[in-house]
Amino acid sequence: MKPDQKGILRIVHATFNSLRGFRLGWQSEAAVRQDIALCIVLAAVALLVPVSTVEKILMFGSLLLLLIVEFLNTSVEAAIDRIGPERHELSGKAKDTASTAVFFALANIALTYGLILWQFL
């Protein structure tokens, strides 16, 4: 994107960059594909269960948070891999802490869905 692009043209280019990032994440990372599959299944659950609008927002929000964190994790891994293949303590720290963020996003889904769906047990 050119630095002088403004307004709608900048938004259009940013959208295409985002779609390319989505495609690259889908193609290169099994974890991205697995998380998207999980989100599709759980989005269907959120649509089908008779819960309040606020509860549906919380359910969908937890899924979106997972995808956000997973794509950030993927970008951290790509950046670290770009630096070099050798093992380094700081590279491991960056990858492990990004992975921990994904773990907490998954825990957030489990907690959100668990607390909301508990009423149907």
PDB file of N, CA and C in Angstrom:
ATOM      1  N   MET A   1       0.839  -1.165   0.000  1.00  0.00           N
ATOM      2  CA  MET A   1       0.000   0.000   0.000  1.00  0.00           C
ATOM      3  C   MET A   1       0.887   1.232   0.000  1.00  0.00           C
ATOM      4  N   LYS A   2       0.538   2.194  -0.812  1.00  0.00           N
ATOM      5  CA  LYS A   2       1.302   3.432  -0.898  1.00  0.00           C
ATOM      6  C   LYS A   2       1.009   4.303   0.317  1.00  0.00           C
ATOM      7  N   PRO A   3       2.028   5.037   0.810  1.00  0.00           N
ATOM      8  CA  PRO A   3       1.820   5.859   2.000  1.00  0.00           C
ATOM      9  C   PRO A   3       0.788   6.966   1.811  1.00  0.00           C
ATOM     10  N   ASP A   4       0.544   7.394   0.570  1.00  0.00           N
ATOM     11  CA  ASP A   4      -0.383   8.498   0.350  1.00  0.00           C
ATOM     12  C   ASP A   4      -1.827   8.044   0.169  1.00  0.00           C
ATOM     13  N   GLN A   5      -2.083   6.746   0.279  1.00  0.00           N
ATOM     14  CA  GLN A   5      -3.449   6.253   0.134  1.00  0.00           C
ATOM     15  C   GLN A   5      -4.257   6.593   1.381  1.00  0.00           C
ATOM     16  N   LYS A   6      -5.433   7.133   1.139  1.00  0.00           N
ATOM     17  CA  LYS A   6      -6.280   7.542   2.259  1.00  0.00           C
ATOM     18  C   LYS A   6      -7.712   7.093   2.006  1.00  0.00           C
ATOM     19  N   GLY A   7      -8.493   7.173   3.059  1.00  0.00           N
ATOM     20  CA  GLY A   7      -9.921   6.929   2.934  1.00  0.00           C
ATOM     21  C   GLY A   7     -10.267   5.522   2.504  1.00  0.00           C
ATOM     22  N   ILE A   8     -11.232   5.447   1.591  1.00  0.00           N
ATOM     23  CA  ILE A   8     -11.778   4.162   1.144  1.00  0.00           C
ATOM     24  C   ILE A   8     -10.710   3.290   0.501  1.00  0.00           C
ATOM     25  N   LEU A   9      -9.831   3.867  -0.293  1.00  0.00           N
ATOM     26  CA  LEU A   9      -8.792   3.078  -0.959  1.00  0.00           C
ATOM     27  C   LEU A   9      -7.887   2.392   0.061  1.00  0.00           C
ATOM     28  N   ARG A  10      -7.542   3.081   1.134  1.00  0.00           N
ATOM     29  CA  ARG A  10      -6.724   2.478   2.182  1.00  0.00           C
ATOM     30  C   ARG A  10      -7.477   1.321   2.842  1.00  0.00           C
ATOM     31  N   ILE A  11      -8.765   1.515   3.078  1.00  0.00           N
ATOM     32  CA  ILE A  11      -9.583   0.463   3.702  1.00  0.00           C
ATOM     33  C   ILE A  11      -9.681  -0.749   2.782  1.00  0.00           C
ATOM     34  N   VAL A  12      -9.844  -0.512   1.474  1.00  0.00           N
ATOM     35  CA  VAL A  12      -9.920  -1.614   0.511  1.00  0.00           C
ATOM     36  C   VAL A  12      -8.614  -2.407   0.516  1.00  0.00           C
ATOM     37  N   HIS A  13      -7.484  -1.704   0.467  1.00  0.00           N
ATOM     38  CA  HIS A  13      -6.187  -2.396   0.475  1.00  0.00           C
ATOM     39  C   HIS A  13      -5.972  -3.151   1.792  1.00  0.00           C
ATOM     40  N   ALA A  14      -6.335  -2.542   2.900  1.00  0.00           N
ATOM     41  CA  ALA A  14      -6.192  -3.209   4.196  1.00  0.00           C
ATOM     42  C   ALA A  14      -7.055  -4.467   4.261  1.00  0.00           C
ATOM     43  N   THR A  15      -8.246  -4.398   3.676  1.00  0.00           N
ATOM     44  CA  THR A  15      -9.128  -5.560   3.660  1.00  0.00           C
ATOM     45  C   THR A  15      -8.508  -6.702   2.864  1.00  0.00           C
ATOM     46  N   PHE A  16      -7.940  -6.393   1.698  1.00  0.00           N
ATOM     47  CA  PHE A  16      -7.293  -7.430   0.893  1.00  0.00           C
ATOM     48  C   PHE A  16      -6.077  -8.009   1.622  1.00  0.00           C
ATOM     49  N   ASN A  17      -5.325  -7.165   2.332  1.00  0.00           N
ATOM     50  CA  ASN A  17      -4.194  -7.664   3.125  1.00  0.00           C
ATOM     51  C   ASN A  17      -4.682  -8.609   4.212  1.00  0.00           C
ATOM     52  N   SER A  18      -5.786  -8.258   4.852  1.00  0.00           N
ATOM     53  CA  SER A  18      -6.340  -9.107   5.901  1.00  0.00           C
ATOM     54  C   SER A  18      -6.806 -10.447   5.342  1.00  0.00           C
ATOM     55  N   LEU A  19      -7.472 -10.412   4.199  1.00  0.00           N
ATOM     56  CA  LEU A  19      -7.922 -11.653   3.569  1.00  0.00           C
ATOM     57  C   LEU A  19      -6.746 -12.526   3.156  1.00  0.00           C
ATOM     58  N   ARG A  20      -5.664 -11.899   2.672  1.00  0.00           N
ATOM     59  CA  ARG A  20      -4.459 -12.657   2.325  1.00  0.00           C
ATOM     60  C   ARG A  20      -3.870 -13.295   3.588  1.00  0.00           C
ATOM     61  N   GLY A  21      -3.858 -12.545   4.689  1.00  0.00           N
ATOM     62  CA  GLY A  21      -3.365 -13.089   5.954  1.00  0.00           C
ATOM     63  C   GLY A  21      -4.196 -14.267   6.424  1.00  0.00           C
ATOM     64  N   PHE A  22      -5.509 -14.166   6.263  1.00  0.00           N
ATOM     65  CA  PHE A  22      -6.393 -15.275   6.630  1.00  0.00           C
ATOM     66  C   PHE A  22      -6.051 -16.510   5.789  1.00  0.00           C
ATOM     67  N   ARG A  23      -5.913 -16.311   4.471  1.00  0.00           N
ATOM     68  CA  ARG A  23      -5.597 -17.426   3.571  1.00  0.00           C
ATOM     69  C   ARG A  23      -4.253 -18.051   3.940  1.00  0.00           C
ATOM     70  N   LEU A  24      -3.244 -17.222   4.194  1.00  0.00           N
ATOM     71  CA  LEU A  24      -1.920 -17.739   4.544  1.00  0.00           C
ATOM     72  C   LEU A  24      -1.953 -18.506   5.862  1.00  0.00           C
ATOM     73  N   GLY A  25      -2.703 -17.994   6.836  1.00  0.00           N
ATOM     74  CA  GLY A  25      -2.835 -18.708   8.107  1.00  0.00           C
ATOM     75  C   GLY A  25      -3.522 -20.044   7.921  1.00  0.00           C
ATOM     76  N   TRP A  26      -4.583 -20.042   7.121  1.00  0.00           N
ATOM     77  CA  TRP A  26      -5.326 -21.285   6.836  1.00  0.00           C
ATOM     78  C   TRP A  26      -4.419 -22.304   6.148  1.00  0.00           C
ATOM     79  N   GLN A  27      -3.648 -21.857   5.164  1.00  0.00           N
ATOM     80  CA  GLN A  27      -2.814 -22.771   4.391  1.00  0.00           C
ATOM     81  C   GLN A  27      -1.623 -23.314   5.175  1.00  0.00           C
ATOM     82  N   SER A  28      -1.081 -22.508   6.071  1.00  0.00           N
ATOM     83  CA  SER A  28       0.195 -22.893   6.679  1.00  0.00           C
ATOM     84  C   SER A  28       0.098 -23.439   8.099  1.00  0.00           C
ATOM     85  N   GLU A  29      -1.023 -23.248   8.762  1.00  0.00           N
ATOM     86  CA  GLU A  29      -1.096 -23.616  10.177  1.00  0.00           C
ATOM     87  C   GLU A  29      -2.275 -24.536  10.476  1.00  0.00           C
ATOM     88  N   ALA A  30      -1.963 -25.753  10.896  1.00  0.00           N
ATOM     89  CA  ALA A  30      -3.019 -26.690  11.293  1.00  0.00           C
ATOM     90  C   ALA A  30      -3.812 -26.142  12.469  1.00  0.00           C
ATOM     91  N   ALA A  31      -3.151 -25.437  13.386  1.00  0.00           N
ATOM     92  CA  ALA A  31      -3.852 -24.888  14.553  1.00  0.00           C
ATOM     93  C   ALA A  31      -4.915 -23.879  14.127  1.00  0.00           C
ATOM     94  N   VAL A  32      -4.631 -23.095  13.101  1.00  0.00           N
ATOM     95  CA  VAL A  32      -5.626 -22.136  12.596  1.00  0.00           C
ATOM     96  C   VAL A  32      -6.826 -22.895  12.051  1.00  0.00           C
ATOM     97  N   ARG A  33      -6.580 -23.917  11.257  1.00  0.00           N
ATOM     98  CA  ARG A  33      -7.685 -24.707  10.697  1.00  0.00           C
ATOM     99  C   ARG A  33      -8.497 -25.376  11.801  1.00  0.00           C
ATOM    100  N   GLN A  34      -7.820 -25.911  12.814  1.00  0.00           N
ATOM    101  CA  GLN A  34      -8.522 -26.556  13.920  1.00  0.00           C
ATOM    102  C   GLN A  34      -9.368 -25.550  14.702  1.00  0.00           C
ATOM    103  N   ASP A  35      -8.809 -24.376  14.955  1.00  0.00           N
ATOM    104  CA  ASP A  35      -9.560 -23.356  15.697  1.00  0.00           C
ATOM    105  C   ASP A  35     -10.764 -22.859  14.901  1.00  0.00           C
ATOM    106  N   ILE A  36     -10.605 -22.709  13.600  1.00  0.00           N
ATOM    107  CA  ILE A  36     -11.741 -22.288  12.765  1.00  0.00           C
ATOM    108  C   ILE A  36     -12.826 -23.363  12.777  1.00  0.00           C
ATOM    109  N   ALA A  37     -12.434 -24.626  12.689  1.00  0.00           N
ATOM    110  CA  ALA A  37     -13.416 -25.713  12.739  1.00  0.00           C
ATOM    111  C   ALA A  37     -14.151 -25.699  14.085  1.00  0.00           C
ATOM    112  N   LEU A  38     -13.404 -25.520  15.172  1.00  0.00           N
ATOM    113  CA  LEU A  38     -14.023 -25.437  16.493  1.00  0.00           C
ATOM    114  C   LEU A  38     -15.006 -24.273  16.557  1.00  0.00           C
ATOM    115  N   CYS A  39     -14.601 -23.129  16.005  1.00  0.00           N
ATOM    116  CA  CYS A  39     -15.468 -21.939  16.023  1.00  0.00           C
ATOM    117  C   CYS A  39     -16.745 -22.163  15.211  1.00  0.00           C
ATOM    118  N   ILE A  40     -16.647 -22.863  14.104  1.00  0.00           N
ATOM    119  CA  ILE A  40     -17.843 -23.140  13.297  1.00  0.00           C
ATOM    120  C   ILE A  40     -18.830 -23.991  14.091  1.00  0.00           C
ATOM    121  N   VAL A  41     -18.318 -25.037  14.733  1.00  0.00           N
ATOM    122  CA  VAL A  41     -19.188 -25.921  15.524  1.00  0.00           C
ATOM    123  C   VAL A  41     -19.809 -25.148  16.687  1.00  0.00           C
ATOM    124  N   LEU A  42     -18.988 -24.388  17.410  1.00  0.00           N
ATOM    125  CA  LEU A  42     -19.507 -23.677  18.582  1.00  0.00           C
ATOM    126  C   LEU A  42     -20.384 -22.492  18.197  1.00  0.00           C
ATOM    127  N   ALA A  43     -20.162 -21.908  17.029  1.00  0.00           N
ATOM    128  CA  ALA A  43     -21.064 -20.847  16.550  1.00  0.00           C
ATOM    129  C   ALA A  43     -22.441 -21.436  16.282  1.00  0.00           C
ATOM    130  N   ALA A  44     -22.477 -22.638  15.719  1.00  0.00           N
ATOM    131  CA  ALA A  44     -23.767 -23.311  15.494  1.00  0.00           C
ATOM    132  C   ALA A  44     -24.471 -23.573  16.814  1.00  0.00           C
ATOM    133  N   VAL A  45     -23.706 -23.998  17.811  1.00  0.00           N
ATOM    134  CA  VAL A  45     -24.295 -24.220  19.141  1.00  0.00           C
ATOM    135  C   VAL A  45     -24.887 -22.913  19.664  1.00  0.00           C
ATOM    136  N   ALA A  46     -24.124 -21.830  19.534  1.00  0.00           N
ATOM    137  CA  ALA A  46     -24.597 -20.526  20.030  1.00  0.00           C
ATOM    138  C   ALA A  46     -25.871 -20.085  19.323  1.00  0.00           C
ATOM    139  N   LEU A  47     -25.980 -20.401  18.052  1.00  0.00           N
ATOM    140  CA  LEU A  47     -27.183 -20.030  17.303  1.00  0.00           C
ATOM    141  C   LEU A  47     -28.391 -20.882  17.689  1.00  0.00           C
ATOM    142  N   LEU A  48     -28.153 -22.127  18.061  1.00  0.00           N
ATOM    143  CA  LEU A  48     -29.243 -23.066  18.303  1.00  0.00           C
ATOM    144  C   LEU A  48     -29.789 -23.054  19.724  1.00  0.00           C
ATOM    145  N   VAL A  49     -28.966 -22.703  20.695  1.00  0.00           N
ATOM    146  CA  VAL A  49     -29.452 -22.758  22.073  1.00  0.00           C
ATOM    147  C   VAL A  49     -30.295 -21.521  22.394  1.00  0.00           C
ATOM    148  N   PRO A  50     -31.356 -21.716  23.144  1.00  0.00           N
ATOM    149  CA  PRO A  50     -32.250 -20.598  23.474  1.00  0.00           C
ATOM    150  C   PRO A  50     -31.718 -19.790  24.664  1.00  0.00           C
ATOM    151  N   VAL A  51     -30.757 -18.920  24.389  1.00  0.00           N
ATOM    152  CA  VAL A  51     -30.184 -18.075  25.439  1.00  0.00           C
ATOM    153  C   VAL A  51     -30.389 -16.606  25.070  1.00  0.00           C
ATOM    154  N   SER A  52     -30.120 -15.740  26.011  1.00  0.00           N
ATOM    155  CA  SER A  52     -30.335 -14.313  25.788  1.00  0.00           C
ATOM    156  C   SER A  52     -29.344 -13.753  24.759  1.00  0.00           C
ATOM    157  N   THR A  53     -29.662 -12.580  24.284  1.00  0.00           N
ATOM    158  CA  THR A  53     -28.784 -11.907  23.323  1.00  0.00           C
ATOM    159  C   THR A  53     -27.409 -11.654  23.930  1.00  0.00           C
ATOM    160  N   VAL A  54     -27.372 -11.247  25.167  1.00  0.00           N
ATOM    161  CA  VAL A  54     -26.092 -10.999  25.843  1.00  0.00           C
ATOM    162  C   VAL A  54     -25.276 -12.281  25.924  1.00  0.00           C
ATOM    163  N   GLU A  55     -25.918 -13.383  26.236  1.00  0.00           N
ATOM    164  CA  GLU A  55     -25.204 -14.660  26.301  1.00  0.00           C
ATOM    165  C   GLU A  55     -24.678 -15.059  24.925  1.00  0.00           C
ATOM    166  N   LYS A  56     -25.472 -14.838  23.882  1.00  0.00           N
ATOM    167  CA  LYS A  56     -24.995 -15.128  22.519  1.00  0.00           C
ATOM    168  C   LYS A  56     -23.793 -14.260  22.167  1.00  0.00           C
ATOM    169  N   ILE A  57     -23.840 -12.983  22.542  1.00  0.00           N
ATOM    170  CA  ILE A  57     -22.711 -12.079  22.284  1.00  0.00           C
ATOM    171  C   ILE A  57     -21.459 -12.583  22.999  1.00  0.00           C
ATOM    172  N   LEU A  58     -21.619 -13.016  24.241  1.00  0.00           N
ATOM    173  CA  LEU A  58     -20.471 -13.553  24.980  1.00  0.00           C
ATOM    174  C   LEU A  58     -19.918 -14.814  24.310  1.00  0.00           C
ATOM    175  N   MET A  59     -20.807 -15.660  23.830  1.00  0.00           N
ATOM    176  CA  MET A  59     -20.375 -16.893  23.178  1.00  0.00           C
ATOM    177  C   MET A  59     -19.620 -16.580  21.885  1.00  0.00           C
ATOM    178  N   PHE A  60     -20.202 -15.731  21.048  1.00  0.00           N
ATOM    179  CA  PHE A  60     -19.524 -15.376  19.797  1.00  0.00           C
ATOM    180  C   PHE A  60     -18.249 -14.578  20.060  1.00  0.00           C
ATOM    181  N   GLY A  61     -18.296 -13.707  21.053  1.00  0.00           N
ATOM    182  CA  GLY A  61     -17.106 -12.918  21.385  1.00  0.00           C
ATOM    183  C   GLY A  61     -15.942 -13.784  21.806  1.00  0.00           C
ATOM    184  N   SER A  62     -16.222 -14.839  22.561  1.00  0.00           N
ATOM    185  CA  SER A  62     -15.138 -15.732  22.975  1.00  0.00           C
ATOM    186  C   SER A  62     -14.518 -16.449  21.771  1.00  0.00           C
ATOM    187  N   LEU A  63     -15.342 -16.743  20.768  1.00  0.00           N
ATOM    188  CA  LEU A  63     -14.822 -17.386  19.549  1.00  0.00           C
ATOM    189  C   LEU A  63     -13.962 -16.411  18.748  1.00  0.00           C
ATOM    190  N   LEU A  64     -14.433 -15.186  18.622  1.00  0.00           N
ATOM    191  CA  LEU A  64     -13.642 -14.181  17.906  1.00  0.00           C
ATOM    192  C   LEU A  64     -12.315 -13.928  18.608  1.00  0.00           C
ATOM    193  N   LEU A  65     -12.338 -13.903  19.930  1.00  0.00           N
ATOM    194  CA  LEU A  65     -11.100 -13.711  20.683  1.00  0.00           C
ATOM    195  C   LEU A  65     -10.101 -14.824  20.385  1.00  0.00           C
ATOM    196  N   LEU A  66     -10.578 -16.053  20.306  1.00  0.00           N
ATOM    197  CA  LEU A  66      -9.686 -17.168  19.974  1.00  0.00           C
ATOM    198  C   LEU A  66      -9.032 -16.952  18.615  1.00  0.00           C
ATOM    199  N   LEU A  67      -9.826 -16.563  17.617  1.00  0.00           N
ATOM    200  CA  LEU A  67      -9.257 -16.367  16.281  1.00  0.00           C
ATOM    201  C   LEU A  67      -8.258 -15.221  16.272  1.00  0.00           C
ATOM    202  N   ILE A  68      -8.553 -14.152  16.973  1.00  0.00           N
ATOM    203  CA  ILE A  68      -7.616 -13.027  17.062  1.00  0.00           C
ATOM    204  C   ILE A  68      -6.299 -13.489  17.663  1.00  0.00           C
ATOM    205  N   VAL A  69      -6.377 -14.186  18.789  1.00  0.00           N
ATOM    206  CA  VAL A  69      -5.164 -14.627  19.476  1.00  0.00           C
ATOM    207  C   VAL A  69      -4.411 -15.658  18.640  1.00  0.00           C
ATOM    208  N   GLU A  70      -5.121 -16.565  17.977  1.00  0.00           N
ATOM    209  CA  GLU A  70      -4.457 -17.580  17.154  1.00  0.00           C
ATOM    210  C   GLU A  70      -3.702 -16.949  15.988  1.00  0.00           C
ATOM    211  N   PHE A  71      -4.302 -15.951  15.345  1.00  0.00           N
ATOM    212  CA  PHE A  71      -3.597 -15.296  14.240  1.00  0.00           C
ATOM    213  C   PHE A  71      -2.405 -14.476  14.743  1.00  0.00           C
ATOM    214  N   LEU A  72      -2.518 -13.874  15.917  1.00  0.00           N
ATOM    215  CA  LEU A  72      -1.356 -13.189  16.498  1.00  0.00           C
ATOM    216  C   LEU A  72      -0.266 -14.193  16.851  1.00  0.00           C
ATOM    217  N   ASN A  73      -0.645 -15.348  17.383  1.00  0.00           N
ATOM    218  CA  ASN A  73       0.310 -16.405  17.686  1.00  0.00           C
ATOM    219  C   ASN A  73       1.023 -16.864  16.407  1.00  0.00           C
ATOM    220  N   THR A  74       0.255 -17.021  15.348  1.00  0.00           N
ATOM    221  CA  THR A  74       0.836 -17.431  14.065  1.00  0.00           C
ATOM    222  C   THR A  74       1.838 -16.382  13.572  1.00  0.00           C
ATOM    223  N   SER A  75       1.507 -15.109  13.752  1.00  0.00           N
ATOM    224  CA  SER A  75       2.423 -14.060  13.297  1.00  0.00           C
ATOM    225  C   SER A  75       3.699 -14.036  14.140  1.00  0.00           C
ATOM    226  N   VAL A  76       3.591 -14.278  15.439  1.00  0.00           N
ATOM    227  CA  VAL A  76       4.784 -14.344  16.288  1.00  0.00           C
ATOM    228  C   VAL A  76       5.667 -15.505  15.840  1.00  0.00           C
ATOM    229  N   GLU A  77       5.061 -16.657  15.595  1.00  0.00           N
ATOM    230  CA  GLU A  77       5.842 -17.814  15.152  1.00  0.00           C
ATOM    231  C   GLU A  77       6.538 -17.544  13.821  1.00  0.00           C
ATOM    232  N   ALA A  78       5.835 -16.905  12.882  1.00  0.00           N
ATOM    233  CA  ALA A  78       6.438 -16.605  11.579  1.00  0.00           C
ATOM    234  C   ALA A  78       7.605 -15.630  11.730  1.00  0.00           C
ATOM    235  N   ALA A  79       7.433 -14.621  12.560  1.00  0.00           N
ATOM    236  CA  ALA A  79       8.503 -13.639  12.757  1.00  0.00           C
ATOM    237  C   ALA A  79       9.728 -14.293  13.386  1.00  0.00           C
ATOM    238  N   ILE A  80       9.502 -15.153  14.377  1.00  0.00           N
ATOM    239  CA  ILE A  80      10.625 -15.838  15.027  1.00  0.00           C
ATOM    240  C   ILE A  80      11.306 -16.782  14.047  1.00  0.00           C
ATOM    241  N   ASP A  81      10.526 -17.509  13.261  1.00  0.00           N
ATOM    242  CA  ASP A  81      11.107 -18.417  12.274  1.00  0.00           C
ATOM    243  C   ASP A  81      11.891 -17.654  11.210  1.00  0.00           C
ATOM    244  N   ARG A  82      11.479 -16.449  10.900  1.00  0.00           N
ATOM    245  CA  ARG A  82      12.178 -15.612   9.917  1.00  0.00           C
ATOM    246  C   ARG A  82      13.573 -15.236  10.417  1.00  0.00           C
ATOM    247  N   ILE A  83      13.694 -15.055  11.728  1.00  0.00           N
ATOM    248  CA  ILE A  83      14.977 -14.665  12.313  1.00  0.00           C
ATOM    249  C   ILE A  83      16.008 -15.762  12.094  1.00  0.00           C
ATOM    250  N   GLY A  84      15.601 -17.010  12.220  1.00  0.00           N
ATOM    251  CA  GLY A  84      16.541 -18.105  11.987  1.00  0.00           C
ATOM    252  C   GLY A  84      16.064 -19.390  12.632  1.00  0.00           C
ATOM    253  N   PRO A  85      16.586 -20.521  12.143  1.00  0.00           N
ATOM    254  CA  PRO A  85      16.139 -21.828  12.627  1.00  0.00           C
ATOM    255  C   PRO A  85      16.797 -22.267  13.940  1.00  0.00           C
ATOM    256  N   GLU A  86      17.887 -21.598  14.330  1.00  0.00           N
ATOM    257  CA  GLU A  86      18.582 -22.033  15.544  1.00  0.00           C
ATOM    258  C   GLU A  86      17.744 -21.728  16.780  1.00  0.00           C
ATOM    259  N   ARG A  87      17.928 -22.568  17.787  1.00  0.00           N
ATOM    260  CA  ARG A  87      17.175 -22.397  19.028  1.00  0.00           C
ATOM    261  C   ARG A  87      17.808 -21.265  19.845  1.00  0.00           C
ATOM    262  N   HIS A  88      16.936 -20.434  20.387  1.00  0.00           N
ATOM    263  CA  HIS A  88      17.392 -19.346  21.253  1.00  0.00           C
ATOM    264  C   HIS A  88      16.384 -19.196  22.382  1.00  0.00           C
ATOM    265  N   GLU A  89      16.858 -18.897  23.563  1.00  0.00           N
ATOM    266  CA  GLU A  89      15.995 -18.783  24.733  1.00  0.00           C
ATOM    267  C   GLU A  89      14.878 -17.759  24.516  1.00  0.00           C
ATOM    268  N   LEU A  90      15.186 -16.608  23.942  1.00  0.00           N
ATOM    269  CA  LEU A  90      14.175 -15.576  23.739  1.00  0.00           C
ATOM    270  C   LEU A  90      13.164 -15.962  22.664  1.00  0.00           C
ATOM    271  N   SER A  91      13.627 -16.677  21.634  1.00  0.00           N
ATOM    272  CA  SER A  91      12.690 -17.162  20.615  1.00  0.00           C
ATOM    273  C   SER A  91      11.704 -18.147  21.222  1.00  0.00           C
ATOM    274  N   GLY A  92      12.227 -19.047  22.042  1.00  0.00           N
ATOM    275  CA  GLY A  92      11.364 -20.009  22.721  1.00  0.00           C
ATOM    276  C   GLY A  92      10.386 -19.317  23.654  1.00  0.00           C
ATOM    277  N   LYS A  93      10.863 -18.294  24.346  1.00  0.00           N
ATOM    278  CA  LYS A  93       9.988 -17.546  25.246  1.00  0.00           C
ATOM    279  C   LYS A  93       8.858 -16.875  24.476  1.00  0.00           C
ATOM    280  N   ALA A  94       9.183 -16.253  23.345  1.00  0.00           N
ATOM    281  CA  ALA A  94       8.157 -15.582  22.537  1.00  0.00           C
ATOM    282  C   ALA A  94       7.114 -16.572  22.037  1.00  0.00           C
ATOM    283  N   LYS A  95       7.574 -17.701  21.520  1.00  0.00           N
ATOM    284  CA  LYS A  95       6.631 -18.703  21.004  1.00  0.00           C
ATOM    285  C   LYS A  95       5.791 -19.318  22.114  1.00  0.00           C
ATOM    286  N   ASP A  96       6.428 -19.624  23.236  1.00  0.00           N
ATOM    287  CA  ASP A  96       5.699 -20.257  24.328  1.00  0.00           C
ATOM    288  C   ASP A  96       4.672 -19.315  24.953  1.00  0.00           C
ATOM    289  N   THR A  97       5.025 -18.055  25.113  1.00  0.00           N
ATOM    290  CA  THR A  97       4.062 -17.136  25.715  1.00  0.00           C
ATOM    291  C   THR A  97       2.912 -16.836  24.761  1.00  0.00           C
ATOM    292  N   ALA A  98       3.183 -16.792  23.451  1.00  0.00           N
ATOM    293  CA  ALA A  98       2.096 -16.622  22.483  1.00  0.00           C
ATOM    294  C   ALA A  98       1.178 -17.839  22.506  1.00  0.00           C
ATOM    295  N   SER A  99       1.762 -19.006  22.650  1.00  0.00           N
ATOM    296  CA  SER A  99       0.972 -20.229  22.751  1.00  0.00           C
ATOM    297  C   SER A  99       0.128 -20.226  24.034  1.00  0.00           C
ATOM    298  N   THR A 100       0.667 -19.686  25.096  1.00  0.00           N
ATOM    299  CA  THR A 100      -0.075 -19.577  26.343  1.00  0.00           C
ATOM    300  C   THR A 100      -1.299 -18.683  26.166  1.00  0.00           C
ATOM    301  N   ALA A 101      -1.162 -17.629  25.374  1.00  0.00           N
ATOM    302  CA  ALA A 101      -2.305 -16.749  25.100  1.00  0.00           C
ATOM    303  C   ALA A 101      -3.424 -17.528  24.404  1.00  0.00           C
ATOM    304  N   VAL A 102      -3.057 -18.405  23.483  1.00  0.00           N
ATOM    305  CA  VAL A 102      -4.056 -19.245  22.815  1.00  0.00           C
ATOM    306  C   VAL A 102      -4.720 -20.170  23.833  1.00  0.00           C
ATOM    307  N   PHE A 103      -3.920 -20.739  24.716  1.00  0.00           N
ATOM    308  CA  PHE A 103      -4.468 -21.613  25.757  1.00  0.00           C
ATOM    309  C   PHE A 103      -5.522 -20.874  26.589  1.00  0.00           C
ATOM    310  N   PHE A 104      -5.215 -19.639  26.987  1.00  0.00           N
ATOM    311  CA  PHE A 104      -6.168 -18.879  27.790  1.00  0.00           C
ATOM    312  C   PHE A 104      -7.406 -18.488  26.989  1.00  0.00           C
ATOM    313  N   ALA A 105      -7.254 -18.245  25.699  1.00  0.00           N
ATOM    314  CA  ALA A 105      -8.425 -17.963  24.859  1.00  0.00           C
ATOM    315  C   ALA A 105      -9.320 -19.202  24.777  1.00  0.00           C
ATOM    316  N   LEU A 106      -8.714 -20.381  24.676  1.00  0.00           N
ATOM    317  CA  LEU A 106      -9.497 -21.624  24.684  1.00  0.00           C
ATOM    318  C   LEU A 106     -10.159 -21.849  26.040  1.00  0.00           C
ATOM    319  N   ALA A 107      -9.443 -21.549  27.118  1.00  0.00           N
ATOM    320  CA  ALA A 107     -10.023 -21.674  28.455  1.00  0.00           C
ATOM    321  C   ALA A 107     -11.200 -20.711  28.611  1.00  0.00           C
ATOM    322  N   ASN A 108     -11.091 -19.525  28.030  1.00  0.00           N
ATOM    323  CA  ASN A 108     -12.176 -18.548  28.069  1.00  0.00           C
ATOM    324  C   ASN A 108     -13.419 -19.092  27.372  1.00  0.00           C
ATOM    325  N   ILE A 109     -13.225 -19.768  26.241  1.00  0.00           N
ATOM    326  CA  ILE A 109     -14.362 -20.389  25.544  1.00  0.00           C
ATOM    327  C   ILE A 109     -14.995 -21.459  26.425  1.00  0.00           C
ATOM    328  N   ALA A 110     -14.170 -22.314  27.000  1.00  0.00           N
ATOM    329  CA  ALA A 110     -14.694 -23.391  27.843  1.00  0.00           C
ATOM    330  C   ALA A 110     -15.473 -22.814  29.024  1.00  0.00           C
ATOM    331  N   LEU A 111     -14.949 -21.785  29.647  1.00  0.00           N
ATOM    332  CA  LEU A 111     -15.625 -21.171  30.778  1.00  0.00           C
ATOM    333  C   LEU A 111     -16.926 -20.498  30.342  1.00  0.00           C
ATOM    334  N   THR A 112     -16.867 -19.734  29.260  1.00  0.00           N
ATOM    335  CA  THR A 112     -18.055 -19.023  28.777  1.00  0.00           C
ATOM    336  C   THR A 112     -19.156 -19.998  28.386  1.00  0.00           C
ATOM    337  N   TYR A 113     -18.829 -20.957  27.532  1.00  0.00           N
ATOM    338  CA  TYR A 113     -19.835 -21.925  27.091  1.00  0.00           C
ATOM    339  C   TYR A 113     -20.302 -22.795  28.260  1.00  0.00           C
ATOM    340  N   GLY A 114     -19.361 -23.188  29.110  1.00  0.00           N
ATOM    341  CA  GLY A 114     -19.729 -24.024  30.241  1.00  0.00           C
ATOM    342  C   GLY A 114     -20.721 -23.345  31.184  1.00  0.00           C
ATOM    343  N   LEU A 115     -20.437 -22.098  31.522  1.00  0.00           N
ATOM    344  CA  LEU A 115     -21.330 -21.376  32.438  1.00  0.00           C
ATOM    345  C   LEU A 115     -22.693 -21.091  31.805  1.00  0.00           C
ATOM    346  N   ILE A 116     -22.683 -20.779  30.517  1.00  0.00           N
ATOM    347  CA  ILE A 116     -23.960 -20.471  29.850  1.00  0.00           C
ATOM    348  C   ILE A 116     -24.776 -21.728  29.608  1.00  0.00           C
ATOM    349  N   LEU A 117     -24.134 -22.803  29.192  1.00  0.00           N
ATOM    350  CA  LEU A 117     -24.869 -24.031  28.879  1.00  0.00           C
ATOM    351  C   LEU A 117     -25.198 -24.871  30.102  1.00  0.00           C
ATOM    352  N   TRP A 118     -24.589 -24.564  31.252  1.00  0.00           N
ATOM    353  CA  TRP A 118     -24.831 -25.290  32.479  1.00  0.00           C
ATOM    354  C   TRP A 118     -26.311 -25.352  32.817  1.00  0.00           C
ATOM    355  N   GLN A 119     -27.031 -24.299  32.483  1.00  0.00           N
ATOM    356  CA  GLN A 119     -28.469 -24.227  32.799  1.00  0.00           C
ATOM    357  C   GLN A 119     -29.311 -25.289  32.075  1.00  0.00           C
ATOM    358  N   PHE A 120     -28.754 -25.903  31.033  1.00  0.00           N
ATOM    359  CA  PHE A 120     -29.499 -26.897  30.267  1.00  0.00           C
ATOM    360  C   PHE A 120     -29.208 -28.327  30.723  1.00  0.00           C
ATOM    361  N   LEU A 121     -28.375 -28.490  31.709  1.00  0.00           N
ATOM    362  CA  LEU A 121     -28.047 -29.840  32.208  1.00  0.00           C
ATOM    363  C   LEU A 121     -29.059 -30.306  33.222  1.00  0.00           C
TER     364      LEU A 121
END
